[in-house]
Protein backbone atom coordinates (compact mmCIF):
# COMPACT_ATOMS: atom_id res chain seq x y z
CA UNK A 1 -30.28 -23.46 66.23
CA UNK A 2 -28.83 -21.07 63.71
CA UNK A 3 -30.36 -20.28 60.43
CA UNK A 4 -29.74 -22.68 57.59
CA UNK A 5 -26.84 -21.49 55.47
CA UNK A 6 -27.72 -20.69 51.88
CA UNK A 7 -25.58 -23.07 49.85
CA UNK A 8 -26.91 -21.93 46.49
CA UNK A 9 -24.07 -20.58 44.37
CA UNK A 10 -24.59 -17.29 42.54
CA UNK A 11 -24.88 -17.61 38.78
CA UNK A 12 -21.61 -17.26 36.90
CA UNK A 13 -21.17 -14.03 35.07
CA UNK A 14 -20.73 -14.36 31.35
CA UNK A 15 -17.37 -13.37 30.03
CA UNK A 16 -17.29 -9.92 28.61
CA UNK A 17 -16.30 -9.39 25.00
CA UNK A 18 -13.02 -7.81 26.04
CA UNK A 19 -12.04 -10.72 28.26
CA UNK A 20 -12.81 -13.27 25.56
CA UNK A 21 -10.44 -11.45 23.23
CA UNK A 22 -7.46 -11.90 25.52
CA UNK A 23 -4.88 -9.24 24.70
CA UNK A 24 -6.87 -8.08 21.69
CA UNK A 25 -8.47 -4.65 21.65
CA UNK A 26 -10.80 -2.96 19.21
CA UNK A 27 -7.88 -1.58 17.21
CA UNK A 28 -5.11 -4.13 17.67
CA UNK A 29 -4.20 -7.74 18.32
CA UNK A 30 -1.20 -6.51 20.32
CA UNK A 31 1.14 -9.12 18.87
CA UNK A 32 4.60 -9.23 20.40
CA UNK A 33 7.55 -8.19 18.26
CA UNK A 34 8.64 -11.77 17.62
CA UNK A 35 5.08 -12.72 16.63
CA UNK A 36 4.47 -9.84 14.19
CA UNK A 37 4.79 -11.04 10.59
CA UNK A 38 3.31 -8.12 8.64
CA UNK A 39 1.06 -5.07 8.92
CA UNK A 40 -1.83 -4.04 6.68
CA UNK A 41 -2.39 -0.34 6.02
CA UNK A 42 -5.57 1.21 4.68
CA UNK A 43 -6.49 3.56 1.85
CA UNK A 44 -9.39 4.49 -0.44
CA UNK A 45 -9.52 5.21 -4.16
CA UNK A 46 -8.81 8.91 -3.64
CA UNK A 47 -5.79 8.33 -1.36
CA UNK A 48 -4.21 5.27 -2.95
CA UNK A 49 -2.28 7.20 -5.61
CA UNK A 50 -0.70 9.37 -2.93
CA UNK A 51 0.28 6.29 -0.91
CA UNK A 52 2.06 4.81 -3.93
CA UNK A 53 3.60 8.00 -5.31
CA UNK A 54 4.98 9.09 -1.93
CA UNK A 55 5.82 5.50 -0.96
CA UNK A 56 4.20 6.23 2.37
CA UNK A 57 1.50 4.32 4.25
CA UNK A 58 -0.39 5.67 7.27
CA UNK A 59 -3.03 4.84 9.86
CA UNK A 60 -4.84 6.85 12.58
CA UNK A 61 -2.78 7.65 15.69
CA UNK A 62 -4.43 4.97 17.83
CA UNK A 63 -2.80 2.31 15.64
CA UNK A 64 0.70 3.46 16.53
CA UNK A 65 0.73 0.84 19.30
CA UNK A 66 1.81 -1.66 16.65
CA UNK A 67 3.00 0.57 13.80
CA UNK A 68 5.92 1.46 16.09
CA UNK A 69 6.91 -2.22 15.93
CA UNK A 70 7.38 -2.07 12.15
CA UNK A 71 11.06 -2.47 11.31
CA UNK A 72 12.92 -2.16 8.01
CA UNK A 73 12.15 -5.09 5.73
CA UNK A 74 8.88 -6.13 7.40
CA UNK A 75 6.27 -7.19 4.81
CA UNK A 76 3.41 -4.72 4.35
CA UNK A 77 0.10 -4.80 2.50
CA UNK A 78 -2.30 -2.05 1.43
CA UNK A 79 -6.05 -2.57 1.82
CA UNK A 80 -8.35 -0.47 -0.35
CA UNK A 81 -11.62 0.09 1.51
CA UNK A 82 -13.35 1.35 -1.65
CA UNK A 83 -13.32 -1.99 -3.48
CA UNK A 84 -12.18 -4.29 -0.64
CA UNK A 85 -8.96 -5.35 -2.40
CA UNK A 86 -5.57 -6.09 -0.86
CA UNK A 87 -2.41 -4.94 -2.65
CA UNK A 88 1.16 -6.18 -2.30
CA UNK A 89 3.82 -7.17 -1.83
CA UNK A 90 5.41 -4.16 -0.10
CA UNK A 91 7.99 -3.90 2.66
CA UNK A 92 9.01 -1.27 5.16
CA UNK A 93 11.82 1.00 3.96
CA UNK A 94 12.31 2.26 7.51
CA UNK A 95 10.83 1.98 11.00
CA UNK A 96 7.28 3.00 11.82
CA UNK A 97 7.13 6.58 13.13
CA UNK A 98 4.67 9.33 13.90
CA UNK A 99 4.21 12.18 11.42
CA UNK A 100 6.84 11.30 8.82
CA UNK A 101 4.72 13.55 6.58
CA UNK A 102 2.34 15.58 8.78
CA UNK A 103 0.45 16.88 5.72
CA UNK A 104 -0.17 13.63 3.85
CA UNK A 105 -3.67 12.75 2.60
CA UNK A 106 -5.31 16.11 3.27
CA UNK A 107 -7.31 18.16 0.79
CA UNK A 108 -5.76 21.56 1.47
CA UNK A 109 -2.08 21.22 2.25
CA UNK A 110 -0.86 23.54 4.97
CA UNK A 111 -4.27 24.19 6.51
CA UNK A 112 -4.47 21.10 8.73
CA UNK A 113 -2.48 18.08 9.80
CA UNK A 114 -2.91 14.54 8.60
CA UNK A 115 -5.52 12.25 10.13
CA UNK A 116 -3.14 9.31 9.58
CA UNK A 117 0.07 10.12 11.49
CA UNK A 118 1.14 6.52 12.29
CA UNK A 119 3.29 6.15 9.20
CA UNK A 120 6.00 4.11 7.52
CA UNK A 121 8.08 4.52 4.36
CA UNK A 122 7.64 1.63 1.93
CA UNK A 123 9.21 -0.01 -1.09
CA UNK A 124 7.92 -2.62 -3.52
CA UNK A 125 9.11 -6.15 -2.83
CA UNK A 126 7.16 -7.75 -5.68
CA UNK A 127 4.44 -6.34 -7.93
CA UNK A 128 1.44 -8.67 -7.85
CA UNK A 129 -2.19 -8.52 -8.87
CA UNK A 130 -4.54 -7.36 -6.10
CA UNK A 131 -6.51 -9.93 -4.12
CA UNK A 132 -10.24 -9.66 -3.54
CA UNK A 133 -11.62 -10.39 -0.10
CA UNK A 134 -12.94 -13.82 -1.03
CA UNK A 135 -9.30 -14.80 -1.66
CA UNK A 136 -7.41 -13.17 1.22
CA UNK A 137 -10.25 -13.28 3.75
CA UNK A 138 -9.93 -16.98 4.64
CA UNK A 139 -6.18 -16.55 5.18
CA UNK A 140 -6.71 -13.92 7.88
CA UNK A 141 -10.05 -15.28 9.09
CA UNK A 142 -9.14 -15.11 12.79
CA UNK A 143 -8.49 -11.36 12.45
CA UNK A 144 -12.13 -10.50 11.74
CA UNK A 145 -13.81 -9.08 14.83
CA UNK A 146 -16.84 -7.95 12.82
CA UNK A 147 -18.16 -9.07 9.46
CA UNK A 148 -16.27 -6.41 7.47
CA UNK A 149 -13.65 -5.30 9.99
CA UNK A 150 -10.37 -7.02 10.77
CA UNK A 151 -7.20 -6.34 12.74
CA UNK A 152 -4.28 -5.12 10.66
CA UNK A 153 -1.59 -7.04 12.53
CA UNK A 154 -0.72 -10.34 10.89
CA UNK A 155 1.21 -13.15 12.49
CA UNK A 156 3.99 -14.96 10.67
CA UNK A 157 1.79 -17.87 9.54
CA UNK A 158 -0.76 -15.53 7.97
CA UNK A 159 2.01 -13.50 6.35
CA UNK A 160 3.62 -16.56 4.79
CA UNK A 161 0.30 -17.73 3.31
CA UNK A 162 -0.53 -14.27 1.95
CA UNK A 163 2.86 -13.94 0.29
CA UNK A 164 2.36 -17.35 -1.32
CA UNK A 165 -1.08 -16.26 -2.54
CA UNK A 166 0.24 -13.01 -4.00
CA UNK A 167 3.27 -14.69 -5.57
CA UNK A 168 0.98 -17.04 -7.50
CA UNK A 169 -0.50 -14.00 -9.30
CA UNK A 170 2.40 -11.75 -10.36
CA UNK A 171 1.66 -8.59 -12.31
CA UNK A 172 1.77 -9.23 -16.10
CA UNK A 173 4.83 -7.82 -17.83
CA UNK A 174 2.91 -6.56 -20.87
CA UNK A 175 0.56 -4.22 -18.99
CA UNK A 176 -0.29 -0.99 -20.85
CA UNK A 177 2.17 1.77 -20.04
CA UNK A 178 1.33 5.40 -19.44
CA UNK A 179 2.00 7.96 -22.22
CA UNK A 180 5.05 9.17 -20.27
CA UNK A 181 6.42 5.64 -20.09
CA UNK A 182 5.92 5.09 -23.82
CA UNK A 183 7.74 8.33 -24.61
CA UNK A 184 10.62 7.40 -22.30
CA UNK A 185 10.77 3.96 -23.85
CA UNK A 186 10.98 5.44 -27.35
CA UNK A 187 13.79 7.86 -26.57
CA UNK A 188 17.33 6.93 -27.67
CA UNK A 189 19.98 6.90 -25.00
CA UNK A 190 21.46 10.14 -26.35
CA UNK A 191 18.49 12.16 -25.10
CA UNK A 192 18.14 10.61 -21.68
CA UNK A 193 18.56 13.41 -19.17
CA UNK A 194 21.79 13.61 -17.25
CA UNK A 195 21.73 13.93 -13.45
CA UNK A 196 22.37 17.68 -13.74
CA UNK A 197 19.16 18.08 -15.78
CA UNK A 198 17.17 17.01 -12.75
CA UNK A 199 18.27 20.17 -10.97
CA UNK A 200 18.25 22.65 -13.87
CA UNK A 201 15.05 21.62 -15.61
CA UNK A 202 11.70 20.06 -14.66
CA UNK A 203 11.71 16.45 -15.75
CA UNK A 204 9.35 13.58 -16.26
CA UNK A 205 10.37 10.42 -14.44
CA UNK A 206 9.15 6.90 -14.93
CA UNK A 207 10.39 3.46 -14.04
CA UNK A 208 10.96 1.12 -16.95
CA UNK A 209 12.05 -2.39 -16.09
CA UNK A 210 13.48 -1.19 -12.79
CA UNK A 211 15.48 1.70 -14.41
CA UNK A 212 14.71 5.36 -13.85
CA UNK A 213 14.15 7.28 -17.07
CA UNK A 214 14.40 11.09 -16.86
CA UNK A 215 13.33 13.32 -19.75
CA UNK A 216 13.11 17.09 -19.85
CA UNK A 217 9.91 18.74 -21.04
CA UNK A 218 11.74 20.23 -24.06
CA UNK A 219 12.86 16.77 -25.12
CA UNK A 220 9.32 15.43 -24.82
CA UNK A 221 8.03 18.32 -26.92
CA UNK A 222 10.62 17.72 -29.66
CA UNK A 223 9.85 14.02 -29.73
CA UNK A 224 6.09 14.67 -29.92
CA UNK A 225 6.60 17.03 -32.89
CA UNK A 226 8.68 14.40 -34.68
CA UNK A 227 6.07 11.71 -34.12
CA UNK A 228 3.33 14.03 -35.37
CA UNK A 229 5.23 14.92 -38.58
CA UNK A 230 5.96 11.28 -39.24
CA UNK A 231 2.31 10.26 -38.94
CA UNK A 232 0.84 13.19 -40.95
CA UNK A 233 2.40 11.74 -44.13
CA UNK A 234 0.58 8.44 -43.68
CA UNK A 235 -2.84 7.50 -44.94
CA UNK A 236 -5.66 7.13 -42.45
CA UNK A 237 -5.92 3.41 -43.18
CA UNK A 238 -2.18 2.97 -42.44
CA UNK A 239 -2.74 3.92 -38.84
CA UNK A 240 -4.63 0.67 -38.27
CA UNK A 241 -1.95 -1.58 -39.71
CA UNK A 242 0.52 -3.28 -37.41
């Protein structure tokens, strides 16, 4: 007689983390083009101003696997790691590319290349108040792969809900303006710089109600002198009257 065959089945191996994530990886959900609804880009306090002034968002090179799928008009959001707030609503002004600005977000320009070469040009779709994580977190809950880390690819359902959430909190119209904006706003139309002034002289530019206001430095100086002379003839108590 032969030996008795061992019919005991080997224990099943537990699924690895990577297999349980399907097509997901550490850096991406790998959504297909027709599934991609929006992309979140990252910044910190010290890089956010450059993102907004250059109208350029960027991520590390490993994220180009989905940044390359960004097409003109796709909704975009900007996540500030410093205070965990999400900003919007932006949209792509062109396709996602590598090294649109190879020297963006570096301390010493010209000495090294950017650490965030997966980039896209952006424009503002609607100016809204930023959302804290307790507000936007539940909307993108399935994107969290760790407690404070989430995938930046959003599907169309998540995108629609985020846009609705942002749209319910538009930016107030009576927000304080910068000194440059107030000066531009006070200038009569006769001193608004002509297009040629932009080439011949340095100018200050600001957006007021969607219109670009351009003022030369000489014009700002003359206006400041006039305002100073006007106020020097007033009593100190008059400065506090409406």
